[in-house]
Amino acid sequence: MPGGMGPVAHRRRKPIIWGMPIRISHTTIDSRDASALSEWWKRVLGYQDVPGDPNDRVMALGATEVADRRNADGTGWVVLADPEGNEFCIVRSDRERSE
């Protein structure tokens, strides 16, 4: 090759992406009555109740109990962690507490 240069491979360059792509995966909604609002969203999204204790179900899927904040009257919540350690809470609804 003239000038002592060998063959040059022509490659397409990948576009440079500055920053990080954004993906929204969860939304938190502040509400006065979380139980009632969750029932509304459940109907909107077409979710259905799964029989049995939700704590038992999610623990069978790999969650671990972090703290039990339930009270004798059925109020309160249980803090669980997913398999990566991310914490979340399960609260019994008014209907569940009355059963």
Protein backbone atom coordinates (compact mmCIF):
# COMPACT_ATOMS: atom_id res chain seq x y z
CA MET A 1 0.00 0.00 0.00
CA PRO A 2 1.28 3.48 -0.74
CA GLY A 3 2.77 5.32 2.24
CA GLY A 4 3.40 2.08 4.09
CA MET A 5 -0.18 1.76 5.37
CA GLY A 6 -1.83 -1.60 5.30
CA PRO A 7 -5.49 -2.22 4.56
CA VAL A 8 -7.87 -0.30 6.79
CA ALA A 9 -10.97 -2.00 8.05
CA HIS A 10 -13.96 0.26 7.89
CA ARG A 11 -16.25 -0.21 10.88
CA ARG A 12 -19.48 1.45 11.68
CA ARG A 13 -19.29 3.23 14.95
CA LYS A 14 -22.00 2.71 17.49
CA PRO A 15 -23.79 5.91 18.43
CA ILE A 16 -22.60 7.44 21.67
CA ILE A 17 -25.32 7.54 24.29
CA TRP A 18 -24.68 10.08 26.98
CA GLY A 19 -26.08 9.31 30.39
CA MET A 20 -28.21 6.37 31.29
CA PRO A 21 -31.43 5.14 29.68
CA ILE A 22 -34.47 5.66 31.89
CA ARG A 23 -37.08 3.03 32.64
CA ILE A 24 -39.86 3.55 35.16
CA SER A 25 -40.70 0.32 36.91
CA HIS A 26 -42.57 1.36 40.05
CA THR A 27 -44.81 4.18 41.12
CA THR A 28 -45.62 5.23 44.67
CA ILE A 29 -48.96 6.92 45.32
CA ASP A 30 -49.68 8.90 48.48
CA SER A 31 -53.25 8.36 49.66
CA ARG A 32 -55.54 9.00 52.63
CA ASP A 33 -56.95 5.45 52.52
CA ALA A 34 -54.39 3.06 51.00
CA SER A 35 -56.68 0.04 51.29
CA ALA A 36 -59.60 1.66 49.46
CA LEU A 37 -57.34 3.11 46.78
CA SER A 38 -55.59 -0.23 46.27
CA GLU A 39 -59.00 -1.86 45.74
CA TRP A 40 -59.80 0.79 43.11
CA TRP A 41 -56.48 0.27 41.31
CA LYS A 42 -56.96 -3.48 41.49
CA ARG A 43 -60.22 -3.14 39.55
CA VAL A 44 -58.67 -0.68 37.08
CA LEU A 45 -55.72 -3.01 36.33
CA GLY A 46 -57.77 -6.21 36.36
CA TYR A 47 -55.93 -7.78 39.30
CA GLN A 48 -57.61 -10.51 41.33
CA ASP A 49 -57.13 -11.59 44.92
CA VAL A 50 -55.10 -14.74 45.45
CA PRO A 51 -56.47 -17.03 48.19
CA GLY A 52 -54.38 -17.55 51.30
CA ASP A 53 -52.09 -15.42 53.43
CA PRO A 54 -50.07 -13.07 51.20
CA ASN A 55 -47.11 -13.30 53.61
CA ASP A 56 -46.96 -17.08 53.17
CA ARG A 57 -47.25 -16.74 49.40
CA VAL A 58 -44.43 -14.23 48.97
CA MET A 59 -42.20 -16.02 51.48
CA ALA A 60 -42.68 -19.23 49.46
CA LEU A 61 -41.43 -17.23 46.45
CA GLY A 62 -38.21 -16.32 48.30
CA ALA A 63 -39.02 -13.28 50.45
CA THR A 64 -37.67 -13.11 54.00
CA GLU A 65 -39.27 -11.47 57.02
CA VAL A 66 -37.43 -8.38 58.26
CA ALA A 67 -39.82 -7.12 60.95
CA ASP A 68 -43.31 -7.99 62.18
CA ARG A 69 -45.16 -4.79 63.04
CA ARG A 70 -48.61 -6.40 63.33
CA ASN A 71 -50.73 -5.64 66.39
CA ALA A 72 -53.10 -7.94 68.29
CA ASP A 73 -56.11 -6.16 66.75
CA GLY A 74 -54.92 -7.06 63.22
CA THR A 75 -53.62 -3.60 62.35
CA GLY A 76 -50.01 -2.99 61.39
CA TRP A 77 -47.82 -4.56 58.75
CA VAL A 78 -45.03 -7.02 58.05
CA VAL A 79 -41.77 -5.83 56.52
CA LEU A 80 -40.35 -8.36 54.05
CA ALA A 81 -37.33 -8.36 51.75
CA ASP A 82 -37.19 -9.73 48.22
CA PRO A 83 -34.35 -12.10 47.21
CA GLU A 84 -32.05 -9.08 46.56
CA GLY A 85 -32.80 -7.53 49.96
CA ASN A 86 -35.19 -4.79 48.80
CA GLU A 87 -37.70 -4.19 51.57
CA PHE A 88 -41.47 -3.89 51.12
CA CYS A 89 -44.49 -4.04 53.42
CA ILE A 90 -47.67 -6.09 53.41
CA VAL A 91 -50.66 -4.53 55.17
CA ARG A 92 -53.87 -6.40 55.87
CA SER A 93 -57.00 -4.72 54.51
CA ASP A 94 -59.99 -3.78 56.67
CA ARG A 95 -61.85 -6.74 55.12
CA GLU A 96 -59.05 -9.16 56.03
CA ARG A 97 -58.91 -7.87 59.60
CA SER A 98 -62.67 -8.36 60.00
CA GLU A 99 -62.57 -12.02 58.90
